[in-house]
Protein backbone atom coordinates (compact mmCIF):
# COMPACT_ATOMS: atom_id res chain seq x y z
CA MET A 1 -15.88 -6.26 -9.67
CA LYS A 2 -18.20 -9.11 -10.44
CA ARG A 3 -20.15 -9.12 -7.16
CA LEU A 4 -21.76 -5.69 -8.41
CA ILE A 5 -22.51 -6.22 -11.95
CA HIS A 6 -25.43 -8.22 -10.94
CA ILE A 7 -27.05 -6.28 -8.59
CA LEU A 8 -26.50 -2.97 -10.55
CA THR A 9 -28.45 -4.37 -13.40
CA LEU A 10 -31.36 -5.00 -11.34
CA SER A 11 -30.98 -1.85 -9.06
CA VAL A 12 -32.00 -0.17 -11.87
CA ALA A 13 -34.78 -2.69 -12.96
CA THR A 14 -36.34 -2.16 -9.36
CA THR A 15 -36.04 1.54 -9.18
CA ALA A 16 -37.46 1.85 -12.45
CA PHE A 17 -41.15 3.20 -10.98
CA ALA A 18 -40.41 2.80 -7.28
CA ASN A 19 -39.23 6.57 -6.75
CA GLY A 20 -42.52 8.45 -6.10
CA TYR A 21 -44.22 5.76 -4.70
CA VAL A 22 -43.04 5.69 -1.48
CA THR A 23 -43.63 7.70 1.85
CA ASP A 24 -41.66 9.24 4.64
CA ALA A 25 -38.60 8.34 2.17
CA GLU A 26 -35.10 8.52 3.11
CA PRO A 27 -32.47 7.88 0.68
CA ALA A 28 -30.70 4.53 0.22
CA ILE A 29 -27.12 3.66 1.47
CA LEU A 30 -26.97 0.17 0.70
CA GLU A 31 -28.79 -2.38 -1.29
CA VAL A 32 -28.30 -6.10 -1.11
CA HIS A 33 -29.81 -8.86 -3.45
CA TYR A 34 -30.55 -12.43 -1.96
CA GLU A 35 -31.82 -15.69 -3.06
CA ARG A 36 -34.31 -17.16 -0.81
CA THR A 37 -34.93 -20.90 -0.24
CA GLU A 38 -38.02 -21.41 0.87
CA HIS A 39 -39.15 -25.72 1.59
CA HIS A 40 -42.72 -25.93 1.73
CA ASP A 41 -42.33 -29.61 2.48
CA SER A 42 -40.50 -30.40 4.80
CA THR A 43 -41.01 -34.07 4.06
CA ASP A 44 -39.16 -33.97 1.03
CA HIS A 45 -36.32 -31.29 1.01
CA ASN A 46 -35.07 -32.32 -2.59
CA ASN A 47 -38.10 -31.48 -4.23
CA GLY A 48 -40.57 -29.38 -2.40
CA PHE A 49 -38.88 -25.92 -2.33
CA PHE A 50 -39.12 -22.32 -3.87
CA LYS A 51 -36.19 -19.96 -4.84
CA ASP A 52 -37.28 -16.10 -4.98
CA PRO A 53 -34.94 -13.26 -5.55
CA VAL A 54 -35.23 -11.17 -2.85
CA MET A 55 -33.80 -7.77 -1.81
CA LEU A 56 -32.65 -5.53 1.38
CA ARG A 57 -32.68 -1.89 0.99
CA VAL A 58 -31.05 0.01 3.73
CA SER A 59 -30.84 3.80 4.67
CA LYS A 60 -29.24 5.35 7.85
CA ASN A 61 -32.67 4.86 10.11
CA LYS A 62 -34.73 1.97 8.10
CA SER A 63 -34.90 -0.68 5.70
CA VAL A 64 -37.44 -2.73 3.92
CA PHE A 65 -37.16 -6.36 2.59
CA CYS A 66 -39.14 -7.50 -0.25
CA GLY A 67 -39.84 -10.16 -3.35
CA ILE A 68 -38.13 -8.41 -6.61
CA LYS A 69 -40.80 -9.97 -8.71
CA LYS A 70 -43.46 -8.88 -5.71
CA LEU A 71 -42.17 -5.23 -6.39
CA TRP A 72 -41.97 -5.45 -10.02
CA GLN A 73 -45.43 -6.53 -10.30
CA ASP A 74 -46.87 -4.47 -7.52
CA SER A 75 -45.07 -1.60 -9.20
CA ILE A 76 -45.73 -2.24 -12.97
CA MET A 77 -49.40 -2.90 -12.02
CA ARG A 78 -49.65 1.06 -9.99
CA CYS A 79 -47.88 2.78 -13.12
CA ASP A 80 -48.35 0.97 -16.44
CA LYS A 81 -51.63 -1.45 -16.29
CA ALA A 82 -51.37 -1.83 -20.31
CA THR A 83 -47.72 -3.52 -19.91
CA PHE A 84 -48.81 -5.78 -16.55
CA TRP A 85 -51.82 -7.04 -18.34
CA ALA A 86 -49.77 -7.59 -21.64
CA MET A 87 -47.63 -9.70 -19.51
CA GLU A 88 -49.79 -11.57 -17.70
CA GLN A 89 -51.69 -12.43 -20.99
CA ALA A 90 -49.00 -13.64 -22.53
CA ARG A 91 -48.01 -16.05 -19.44
CA VAL A 92 -51.95 -17.03 -20.00
CA VAL A 93 -51.58 -17.93 -23.53
CA SER A 94 -47.96 -19.39 -22.82
CA GLY A 95 -49.17 -21.91 -20.75
CA LYS A 96 -46.07 -21.72 -18.71
CA ARG A 97 -46.48 -22.26 -14.95
CA ASP A 98 -42.83 -22.28 -14.07
CA ASP A 99 -40.93 -19.78 -11.80
CA THR A 100 -39.89 -17.78 -14.79
CA GLN A 101 -43.55 -17.25 -15.71
CA LEU A 102 -44.78 -16.57 -12.29
CA PRO A 103 -44.67 -12.52 -12.63
CA SER A 104 -45.12 -12.08 -8.70
CA GLY A 105 -42.58 -14.79 -7.62
CA HIS A 106 -43.87 -16.72 -4.39
CA TYR A 107 -42.47 -14.06 -1.83
CA TRP A 108 -45.20 -11.85 -1.39
CA SER A 109 -43.87 -9.83 1.88
CA TYR A 110 -42.83 -6.45 2.72
CA VAL A 111 -40.72 -6.42 6.17
CA TYR A 112 -40.03 -2.99 7.00
CA LYS A 113 -37.71 -2.24 9.94
CA ASN A 114 -38.10 0.84 12.24
CA ILE A 115 -40.99 1.88 10.97
CA PRO A 116 -42.56 3.33 12.51
CA GLU A 117 -39.71 4.49 14.83
CA GLY A 118 -38.78 1.07 17.48
CA LYS A 119 -41.02 -1.27 15.12
CA VAL A 120 -41.22 -3.74 12.47
CA THR A 121 -44.30 -3.53 9.81
CA GLU A 122 -44.96 -6.42 7.75
CA ARG A 123 -47.55 -6.46 4.74
CA CYS A 124 -48.69 -9.73 3.14
CA TYR A 125 -51.25 -10.45 0.07
CA PHE A 126 -52.92 -13.73 1.06
CA ASP A 127 -56.64 -14.93 0.97
CA MET A 128 -57.74 -11.83 -1.44
CA GLU A 129 -56.86 -9.44 1.26
CA ARG A 130 -54.26 -7.55 2.18
CA TRP A 131 -52.89 -7.67 6.04
CA GLN A 132 -50.48 -6.04 7.89
CA TYR A 133 -49.29 -5.53 11.50
CA SER A 134 -46.36 -3.95 13.66
CA GLU A 135 -44.92 -5.11 16.63
CA ASP A 136 -41.85 -4.05 19.15
CA TRP A 137 -38.47 -4.52 17.16
CA GLU A 138 -37.49 -7.33 18.61
CA LYS A 139 -33.33 -8.22 17.51
CA PRO A 140 -31.94 -11.52 17.86
CA GLU A 141 -29.48 -12.20 20.51
CA TRP A 142 -26.60 -13.45 18.59
CA GLU A 143 -23.72 -15.56 19.80
CA ILE A 144 -20.42 -14.77 17.75
CA GLY A 145 -18.74 -17.89 16.83
CA ASP A 146 -14.93 -18.89 15.69
CA SER A 147 -15.56 -20.02 12.04
CA ILE A 148 -14.92 -17.83 9.00
CA LYS A 149 -16.28 -17.97 5.25
CA ILE A 150 -16.10 -15.76 2.24
CA VAL A 151 -19.16 -14.42 0.62
CA LEU A 152 -19.36 -12.28 -2.22
CA GLY A 153 -15.68 -11.76 -1.72
CA TYR A 154 -15.89 -10.20 2.02
CA GLU A 155 -14.76 -12.33 5.18
CA CYS A 156 -17.64 -13.67 7.15
CA ILE A 157 -17.95 -14.72 10.83
CA GLU A 158 -20.19 -17.06 11.74
CA ALA A 159 -23.14 -16.16 14.67
CA SER A 160 -25.82 -17.89 15.65
CA ALA A 161 -29.35 -17.16 17.47
CA ASN A 162 -32.60 -18.72 18.78
CA TYR A 163 -34.67 -16.19 17.42
CA ARG A 164 -39.06 -16.83 16.77
CA GLY A 165 -39.12 -20.37 17.20
CA ARG A 166 -35.65 -21.26 15.35
CA THR A 167 -31.96 -21.89 15.76
CA TRP A 168 -30.62 -19.50 12.98
CA THR A 169 -26.69 -19.64 11.90
CA ALA A 170 -25.67 -16.44 9.94
CA TRP A 171 -22.58 -15.00 8.23
CA PHE A 172 -21.57 -11.62 8.86
CA ALA A 173 -19.22 -9.07 7.05
CA PRO A 174 -17.51 -6.58 9.56
CA GLU A 175 -16.28 -4.68 6.27
CA LEU A 176 -19.74 -3.86 6.36
CA PRO A 177 -21.18 -1.95 9.36
CA VAL A 178 -24.34 -2.08 8.89
CA GLN A 179 -26.28 -3.98 11.66
CA GLU A 180 -29.00 -5.21 8.97
CA GLY A 181 -29.84 -8.49 7.38
CA PRO A 182 -32.54 -10.34 5.51
CA TRP A 183 -36.17 -10.83 6.73
CA LYS A 184 -36.13 -9.97 10.34
CA LEU A 185 -32.65 -11.16 10.99
CA CYS A 186 -30.26 -8.10 12.25
CA GLY A 187 -28.37 -6.73 14.79
CA LEU A 188 -24.69 -7.92 14.12
CA PRO A 189 -21.75 -5.56 14.14
CA GLY A 190 -22.06 -6.36 9.86
CA LEU A 191 -24.47 -6.90 7.29
CA ILE A 192 -25.36 -10.21 7.17
CA LEU A 193 -24.70 -11.71 3.84
CA GLU A 194 -26.02 -15.77 4.32
CA ALA A 195 -28.55 -16.95 6.50
CA HIS A 196 -30.21 -20.20 7.33
CA ASP A 197 -32.23 -22.15 10.29
CA ALA A 198 -31.27 -25.31 11.67
CA ASN A 199 -33.33 -28.16 9.52
CA SER A 200 -32.46 -24.91 6.33
CA ASP A 201 -36.03 -24.65 5.94
CA TYR A 202 -35.26 -21.28 4.78
CA ILE A 203 -31.87 -19.87 3.77
CA PHE A 204 -30.66 -16.69 2.18
CA GLU A 205 -27.70 -16.37 0.35
CA ALA A 206 -26.66 -13.06 -1.11
CA THR A 207 -26.00 -12.60 -4.80
CA GLY A 208 -24.91 -9.10 -5.05
CA LEU A 209 -24.88 -5.81 -3.09
CA LEU A 210 -24.61 -2.37 -4.33
CA GLN A 211 -23.46 0.67 -2.05
CA ASN A 212 -24.95 4.39 -2.43
CA PRO A 213 -28.34 3.55 -5.10
CA ASN A 214 -30.32 5.61 -6.72
CA ALA A 215 -33.41 4.48 -4.42
CA GLU A 216 -35.39 5.17 -1.25
CA VAL A 217 -36.55 3.65 1.75
CA GLY A 218 -39.96 3.88 3.39
CA ILE A 219 -43.65 2.33 2.83
CA PHE A 220 -44.46 1.75 -0.78
CA THR A 221 -47.69 3.17 -1.46
CA TYR A 222 -48.60 0.87 -4.70
CA ASP A 223 -51.68 -0.57 -2.98
CA ASP A 224 -53.34 2.65 -1.97
CA ASP A 225 -55.39 2.57 -4.88
CA ARG A 226 -56.35 -0.52 -4.31
CA GLY A 227 -58.11 -0.19 -0.85
CA GLY A 228 -54.97 -0.24 1.36
CA TYR A 229 -54.73 -2.93 4.19
CA SER A 230 -56.42 -4.12 6.87
CA THR A 231 -54.54 -3.81 10.33
CA VAL A 232 -54.58 -6.35 12.70
CA THR A 233 -52.28 -7.66 15.64
CA ARG A 234 -49.22 -10.09 14.92
CA ASP A 235 -50.97 -13.06 16.23
CA LYS A 236 -54.15 -12.40 14.19
CA PHE A 237 -52.08 -11.88 11.13
CA PHE A 238 -50.31 -15.59 11.70
CA ASN A 239 -53.50 -17.13 12.44
CA ASN A 240 -55.51 -15.49 9.30
CA TRP A 241 -52.39 -17.06 7.49
CA TRP A 242 -52.65 -20.42 9.18
CA ARG A 243 -56.42 -20.73 8.02
CA PHE A 244 -55.80 -19.64 4.52
CA LYS A 245 -53.17 -22.60 4.14
CA HIS A 246 -55.47 -25.16 5.89
CA SER A 247 -58.36 -23.88 3.62
CA ASN A 248 -59.34 -24.54 -0.12
CA PRO A 249 -58.49 -21.48 -1.60
CA ALA A 250 -59.86 -22.45 -4.91
CA ALA A 251 -62.94 -22.73 -3.95
CA LYS A 252 -62.99 -18.97 -2.47
CA ILE A 253 -61.67 -17.65 -5.27
CA GLN A 254 -64.33 -19.78 -7.70
CA ALA A 255 -67.54 -18.43 -5.25
CA ALA A 256 -65.71 -14.88 -5.07
CA PHE A 257 -65.81 -14.37 -8.72
CA GLY A 258 -68.83 -16.02 -9.43
CA VAL A 259 -67.29 -19.48 -10.81
CA GLY A 260 -68.08 -22.73 -9.57
CA THR A 261 -69.50 -23.66 -6.28
CA ALA A 262 -68.93 -22.15 -2.66
CA PRO A 263 -65.78 -23.20 -0.53
CA THR A 264 -66.77 -27.13 1.51
CA ASN A 265 -65.99 -28.13 4.59
CA GLU A 266 -63.57 -30.88 2.94
CA LYS A 267 -60.22 -31.99 4.90
CA THR A 268 -57.40 -30.25 2.83
CA LYS A 269 -53.69 -31.65 2.29
CA PRO A 270 -52.09 -31.25 5.59
CA VAL A 271 -49.22 -28.23 4.74
CA MET A 272 -46.05 -29.32 5.21
CA TYR A 273 -44.11 -26.12 6.60
CA ASP A 274 -44.07 -23.31 8.61
CA LYS A 275 -43.25 -19.45 7.95
CA GLU A 276 -39.71 -18.17 8.93
CA GLU A 277 -41.05 -17.68 12.63
CA ARG A 278 -43.11 -20.34 14.33
CA ASN A 279 -43.75 -18.45 17.57
CA TYR A 280 -47.66 -17.65 17.48
CA PRO A 281 -50.63 -19.53 18.67
CA THR A 282 -51.83 -21.70 15.86
CA ILE A 283 -55.31 -23.14 15.78
CA CYS A 284 -56.23 -26.78 15.28
CA GLU A 285 -59.93 -25.76 13.14
CA ALA A 286 -60.48 -22.91 10.71
CA ALA A 287 -62.99 -20.42 11.66
């Protein structure tokens, strides 16, 4: 029972505005909430990290994985702009910049599996623009081990795989016969409840789940009235992200809104981490 209470409360929250803003919707059969840890400084694991509540929502044929705070922000901004701006004003007035006061959280991607059929689609906002790409749905090739641990009361089996430039360890629950998991991890004979890469740069830990939630699975359309998304190739998507992380975003924002000076060519602080997947061609100088 305890493992259901937390997810039930959050499921009501995350579906408050969702239904009606999903295209090609299917009824969800399972919703899982995880805590996602991202170490944004690989040289300082003790201090350089973010923690975000994230959600996996699964239907019969497809799934969506996203940040709970980001979903809340996008839904409220689309459906109740007055409330959104009141919340934002209160945050600014309070002067607080900690995680509890960050409406959108740190994880801004939406990862859609089998949307469109046989593809994975990722959407994300960065560099003041919305980007998306679709690629063939490539599943990890897992090796199942002998180790067992209990997660949320379920007996889970260990598995490992080399996937997208990292070595991943996952713990899956055969009692939950859904071949799904957080982010792009999937393809095991049971739901993945925990996963981490070899360096623990990225960690996913399930905090609760609910079967047959009152929710839909499909593409969220909250951004349709804000210009939609620029569609690019996967390589272009990640190269654009790399450029953004090695640029001067504060100067770009100032220039875009007519405040301060235009971006300069000054060297920025090196980015001491990479995305969950690292098998894309990086570029050494911002274009």
